[in-house]
Amino acid sequence: MFYVKLSLAVLFLLRYKFVLFYHLYLGGRMFYFMLGCDLLYMVGHLFYYG
């Protein structure tokens, strides 16, 4: 029974770590994507109206 609990705990931790890494990776990618879109929009706005 102890081994089952231990393996479940390890699986949970691994899954949690993977999800955390996944969120950080995707969050970083999305953040840079949004930042790039904002910068492109601002530069285009400046060129269009400036």
PDB file of N, CA and C in Angstrom:
ATOM      1  N   MET A   1       0.832  -1.200   0.000  1.00  0.00           N
ATOM      2  CA  MET A   1       0.000   0.000   0.000  1.00  0.00           C
ATOM      3  C   MET A   1       0.872   1.258   0.000  1.00  0.00           C
ATOM      4  N   PHE A   2       1.966   1.194   0.750  1.00  0.00           N
ATOM      5  CA  PHE A   2       2.867   2.343   0.819  1.00  0.00           C
ATOM      6  C   PHE A   2       3.458   2.660  -0.551  1.00  0.00           C
ATOM      7  N   TYR A   3       3.836   1.589  -1.280  1.00  0.00           N
ATOM      8  CA  TYR A   3       4.433   1.793  -2.604  1.00  0.00           C
ATOM      9  C   TYR A   3       3.431   2.409  -3.571  1.00  0.00           C
ATOM     10  N   VAL A   4       2.170   1.991  -3.456  1.00  0.00           N
ATOM     11  CA  VAL A   4       1.136   2.554  -4.330  1.00  0.00           C
ATOM     12  C   VAL A   4       0.981   4.043  -4.063  1.00  0.00           C
ATOM     13  N   LYS A   5       0.940   4.402  -2.787  1.00  0.00           N
ATOM     14  CA  LYS A   5       0.826   5.823  -2.443  1.00  0.00           C
ATOM     15  C   LYS A   5       2.037   6.600  -2.938  1.00  0.00           C
ATOM     16  N   LEU A   6       3.205   6.015  -2.767  1.00  0.00           N
ATOM     17  CA  LEU A   6       4.437   6.676  -3.187  1.00  0.00           C
ATOM     18  C   LEU A   6       4.443   6.899  -4.698  1.00  0.00           C
ATOM     19  N   SER A   7       4.081   5.852  -5.444  1.00  0.00           N
ATOM     20  CA  SER A   7       4.089   5.981  -6.900  1.00  0.00           C
ATOM     21  C   SER A   7       3.042   6.987  -7.360  1.00  0.00           C
ATOM     22  N   LEU A   8       1.891   7.013  -6.684  1.00  0.00           N
ATOM     23  CA  LEU A   8       0.868   7.997  -7.030  1.00  0.00           C
ATOM     24  C   LEU A   8       1.368   9.414  -6.764  1.00  0.00           C
ATOM     25  N   ALA A   9       2.056   9.580  -5.632  1.00  0.00           N
ATOM     26  CA  ALA A   9       2.595  10.898  -5.300  1.00  0.00           C
ATOM     27  C   ALA A   9       3.629  11.328  -6.342  1.00  0.00           C
ATOM     28  N   VAL A  10       4.487  10.396  -6.741  1.00  0.00           N
ATOM     29  CA  VAL A  10       5.513  10.714  -7.735  1.00  0.00           C
ATOM     30  C   VAL A  10       4.871  11.066  -9.073  1.00  0.00           C
ATOM     31  N   LEU A  11       3.859  10.294  -9.459  1.00  0.00           N
ATOM     32  CA  LEU A  11       3.156  10.584 -10.705  1.00  0.00           C
ATOM     33  C   LEU A  11       2.498  11.954 -10.649  1.00  0.00           C
ATOM     34  N   PHE A  12       1.883  12.254  -9.515  1.00  0.00           N
ATOM     35  CA  PHE A  12       1.228  13.550  -9.362  1.00  0.00           C
ATOM     36  C   PHE A  12       2.235  14.688  -9.483  1.00  0.00           C
ATOM     37  N   LEU A  13       3.387  14.527  -8.801  1.00  0.00           N
ATOM     38  CA  LEU A  13       4.417  15.559  -8.862  1.00  0.00           C
ATOM     39  C   LEU A  13       4.943  15.733 -10.278  1.00  0.00           C
ATOM     40  N   LEU A  14       5.177  14.608 -10.958  1.00  0.00           N
ATOM     41  CA  LEU A  14       5.680  14.684 -12.328  1.00  0.00           C
ATOM     42  C   LEU A  14       4.673  15.377 -13.230  1.00  0.00           C
ATOM     43  N   ARG A  15       3.404  15.002 -13.056  1.00  0.00           N
ATOM     44  CA  ARG A  15       2.372  15.616 -13.880  1.00  0.00           C
ATOM     45  C   ARG A  15       2.274  17.104 -13.582  1.00  0.00           C
ATOM     46  N   TYR A  16       2.356  17.449 -12.299  1.00  0.00           N
ATOM     47  CA  TYR A  16       2.270  18.851 -11.914  1.00  0.00           C
ATOM     48  C   TYR A  16       3.435  19.642 -12.499  1.00  0.00           C
ATOM     49  N   LYS A  17       4.639  19.043 -12.422  1.00  0.00           N
ATOM     50  CA  LYS A  17       5.821  19.701 -12.962  1.00  0.00           C
ATOM     51  C   LYS A  17       5.674  19.896 -14.470  1.00  0.00           C
ATOM     52  N   PHE A  18       5.178  18.863 -15.137  1.00  0.00           N
ATOM     53  CA  PHE A  18       5.005  18.952 -16.580  1.00  0.00           C
ATOM     54  C   PHE A  18       3.998  20.030 -16.944  1.00  0.00           C
ATOM     55  N   VAL A  19       2.879  20.059 -16.191  1.00  0.00           N
ATOM     56  CA  VAL A  19       1.850  21.068 -16.466  1.00  0.00           C
ATOM     57  C   VAL A  19       2.394  22.467 -16.222  1.00  0.00           C
ATOM     58  N   LEU A  20       3.159  22.615 -15.135  1.00  0.00           N
ATOM     59  CA  LEU A  20       3.748  23.910 -14.817  1.00  0.00           C
ATOM     60  C   LEU A  20       4.697  24.352 -15.926  1.00  0.00           C
ATOM     61  N   PHE A  21       5.564  23.425 -16.368  1.00  0.00           N
ATOM     62  CA  PHE A  21       6.502  23.729 -17.441  1.00  0.00           C
ATOM     63  C   PHE A  21       5.750  24.099 -18.714  1.00  0.00           C
ATOM     64  N   TYR A  22       4.696  23.334 -19.002  1.00  0.00           N
ATOM     65  CA  TYR A  22       3.885  23.557 -20.193  1.00  0.00           C
ATOM     66  C   TYR A  22       3.255  24.943 -20.151  1.00  0.00           C
ATOM     67  N   HIS A  23       2.703  25.304 -18.984  1.00  0.00           N
ATOM     68  CA  HIS A  23       2.058  26.607 -18.849  1.00  0.00           C
ATOM     69  C   HIS A  23       3.080  27.727 -18.975  1.00  0.00           C
ATOM     70  N   LEU A  24       4.242  27.553 -18.350  1.00  0.00           N
ATOM     71  CA  LEU A  24       5.262  28.588 -18.439  1.00  0.00           C
ATOM     72  C   LEU A  24       5.733  28.754 -19.877  1.00  0.00           C
ATOM     73  N   TYR A  25       5.951  27.622 -20.558  1.00  0.00           N
ATOM     74  CA  TYR A  25       6.425  27.666 -21.933  1.00  0.00           C
ATOM     75  C   TYR A  25       5.387  28.326 -22.833  1.00  0.00           C
ATOM     76  N   LEU A  26       4.140  27.847 -22.745  1.00  0.00           N
ATOM     77  CA  LEU A  26       3.084  28.407 -23.576  1.00  0.00           C
ATOM     78  C   LEU A  26       2.801  29.850 -23.194  1.00  0.00           C
ATOM     79  N   GLY A  27       2.814  30.135 -21.886  1.00  0.00           N
ATOM     80  CA  GLY A  27       2.580  31.498 -21.432  1.00  0.00           C
ATOM     81  C   GLY A  27       3.645  32.441 -21.965  1.00  0.00           C
ATOM     82  N   GLY A  28       4.899  32.001 -21.938  1.00  0.00           N
ATOM     83  CA  GLY A  28       5.972  32.821 -22.467  1.00  0.00           C
ATOM     84  C   GLY A  28       5.816  33.048 -23.955  1.00  0.00           C
ATOM     85  N   ARG A  29       5.470  31.986 -24.670  1.00  0.00           N
ATOM     86  CA  ARG A  29       5.271  32.104 -26.115  1.00  0.00           C
ATOM     87  C   ARG A  29       4.119  33.060 -26.417  1.00  0.00           C
ATOM     88  N   MET A  30       3.018  32.897 -25.706  1.00  0.00           N
ATOM     89  CA  MET A  30       1.862  33.758 -25.937  1.00  0.00           C
ATOM     90  C   MET A  30       2.189  35.203 -25.572  1.00  0.00           C
ATOM     91  N   PHE A  31       2.947  35.390 -24.488  1.00  0.00           N
ATOM     92  CA  PHE A  31       3.317  36.737 -24.065  1.00  0.00           C
ATOM     93  C   PHE A  31       4.138  37.426 -25.148  1.00  0.00           C
ATOM     94  N   TYR A  32       5.143  36.718 -25.685  1.00  0.00           N
ATOM     95  CA  TYR A  32       5.979  37.316 -26.720  1.00  0.00           C
ATOM     96  C   TYR A  32       5.192  37.544 -28.002  1.00  0.00           C
ATOM     97  N   PHE A  33       4.250  36.629 -28.295  1.00  0.00           N
ATOM     98  CA  PHE A  33       3.415  36.793 -29.480  1.00  0.00           C
ATOM     99  C   PHE A  33       2.558  38.050 -29.356  1.00  0.00           C
ATOM    100  N   MET A  34       1.937  38.231 -28.181  1.00  0.00           N
ATOM    101  CA  MET A  34       1.099  39.407 -27.962  1.00  0.00           C
ATOM    102  C   MET A  34       1.947  40.674 -27.990  1.00  0.00           C
ATOM    103  N   LEU A  35       3.137  40.598 -27.390  1.00  0.00           N
ATOM    104  CA  LEU A  35       4.033  41.745 -27.375  1.00  0.00           C
ATOM    105  C   LEU A  35       4.428  42.123 -28.801  1.00  0.00           C
ATOM    106  N   GLY A  36       4.744  41.108 -29.611  1.00  0.00           N
ATOM    107  CA  GLY A  36       5.105  41.363 -31.003  1.00  0.00           C
ATOM    108  C   GLY A  36       3.956  41.983 -31.778  1.00  0.00           C
ATOM    109  N   CYS A  37       2.750  41.487 -31.550  1.00  0.00           N
ATOM    110  CA  CYS A  37       1.576  42.050 -32.226  1.00  0.00           C
ATOM    111  C   CYS A  37       1.371  43.496 -31.812  1.00  0.00           C
ATOM    112  N   ASP A  38       1.520  43.781 -30.526  1.00  0.00           N
ATOM    113  CA  ASP A  38       1.366  45.152 -30.053  1.00  0.00           C
ATOM    114  C   ASP A  38       2.408  46.062 -30.686  1.00  0.00           C
ATOM    115  N   LEU A  39       3.658  45.596 -30.725  1.00  0.00           N
ATOM    116  CA  LEU A  39       4.720  46.411 -31.303  1.00  0.00           C
ATOM    117  C   LEU A  39       4.471  46.658 -32.784  1.00  0.00           C
ATOM    118  N   LEU A  40       4.062  45.608 -33.497  1.00  0.00           N
ATOM    119  CA  LEU A  40       3.768  45.764 -34.918  1.00  0.00           C
ATOM    120  C   LEU A  40       2.630  46.755 -35.125  1.00  0.00           C
ATOM    121  N   TYR A  41       1.611  46.657 -34.282  1.00  0.00           N
ATOM    122  CA  TYR A  41       0.470  47.555 -34.393  1.00  0.00           C
ATOM    123  C   TYR A  41       0.890  49.000 -34.149  1.00  0.00           C
ATOM    124  N   MET A  42       1.720  49.215 -33.118  1.00  0.00           N
ATOM    125  CA  MET A  42       2.154  50.576 -32.797  1.00  0.00           C
ATOM    126  C   MET A  42       3.024  51.142 -33.909  1.00  0.00           C
ATOM    127  N   VAL A  43       3.944  50.324 -34.420  1.00  0.00           N
ATOM    128  CA  VAL A  43       4.829  50.799 -35.490  1.00  0.00           C
ATOM    129  C   VAL A  43       4.016  51.104 -36.742  1.00  0.00           C
ATOM    130  N   GLY A  44       3.079  50.213 -37.068  1.00  0.00           N
ATOM    131  CA  GLY A  44       2.221  50.452 -38.224  1.00  0.00           C
ATOM    132  C   GLY A  44       1.390  51.708 -38.048  1.00  0.00           C
ATOM    133  N   HIS A  45       0.904  51.920 -36.833  1.00  0.00           N
ATOM    134  CA  HIS A  45       0.116  53.103 -36.523  1.00  0.00           C
ATOM    135  C   HIS A  45       0.954  54.356 -36.719  1.00  0.00           C
ATOM    136  N   LEU A  46       2.202  54.316 -36.247  1.00  0.00           N
ATOM    137  CA  LEU A  46       3.088  55.468 -36.386  1.00  0.00           C
ATOM    138  C   LEU A  46       3.373  55.761 -37.853  1.00  0.00           C
ATOM    139  N   PHE A  47       3.658  54.699 -38.629  1.00  0.00           N
ATOM    140  CA  PHE A  47       3.951  54.912 -40.046  1.00  0.00           C
ATOM    141  C   PHE A  47       2.720  55.391 -40.799  1.00  0.00           C
ATOM    142  N   TYR A  48       1.557  54.879 -40.414  1.00  0.00           N
ATOM    143  CA  TYR A  48       0.330  55.213 -41.142  1.00  0.00           C
ATOM    144  C   TYR A  48      -0.106  56.643 -40.861  1.00  0.00           C
ATOM    145  N   TYR A  49      -0.005  57.050 -39.585  1.00  0.00           N
ATOM    146  CA  TYR A  49      -0.472  58.382 -39.220  1.00  0.00           C
ATOM    147  C   TYR A  49       0.671  59.378 -39.079  1.00  0.00           C
ATOM    148  N   GLY A  50       1.904  58.914 -39.116  1.00  0.00           N
ATOM    149  CA  GLY A  50       3.021  59.823 -38.867  1.00  0.00           C
ATOM    150  C   GLY A  50       3.738  60.171 -40.103  1.00  0.00           C
TER     151      GLY A  50
END
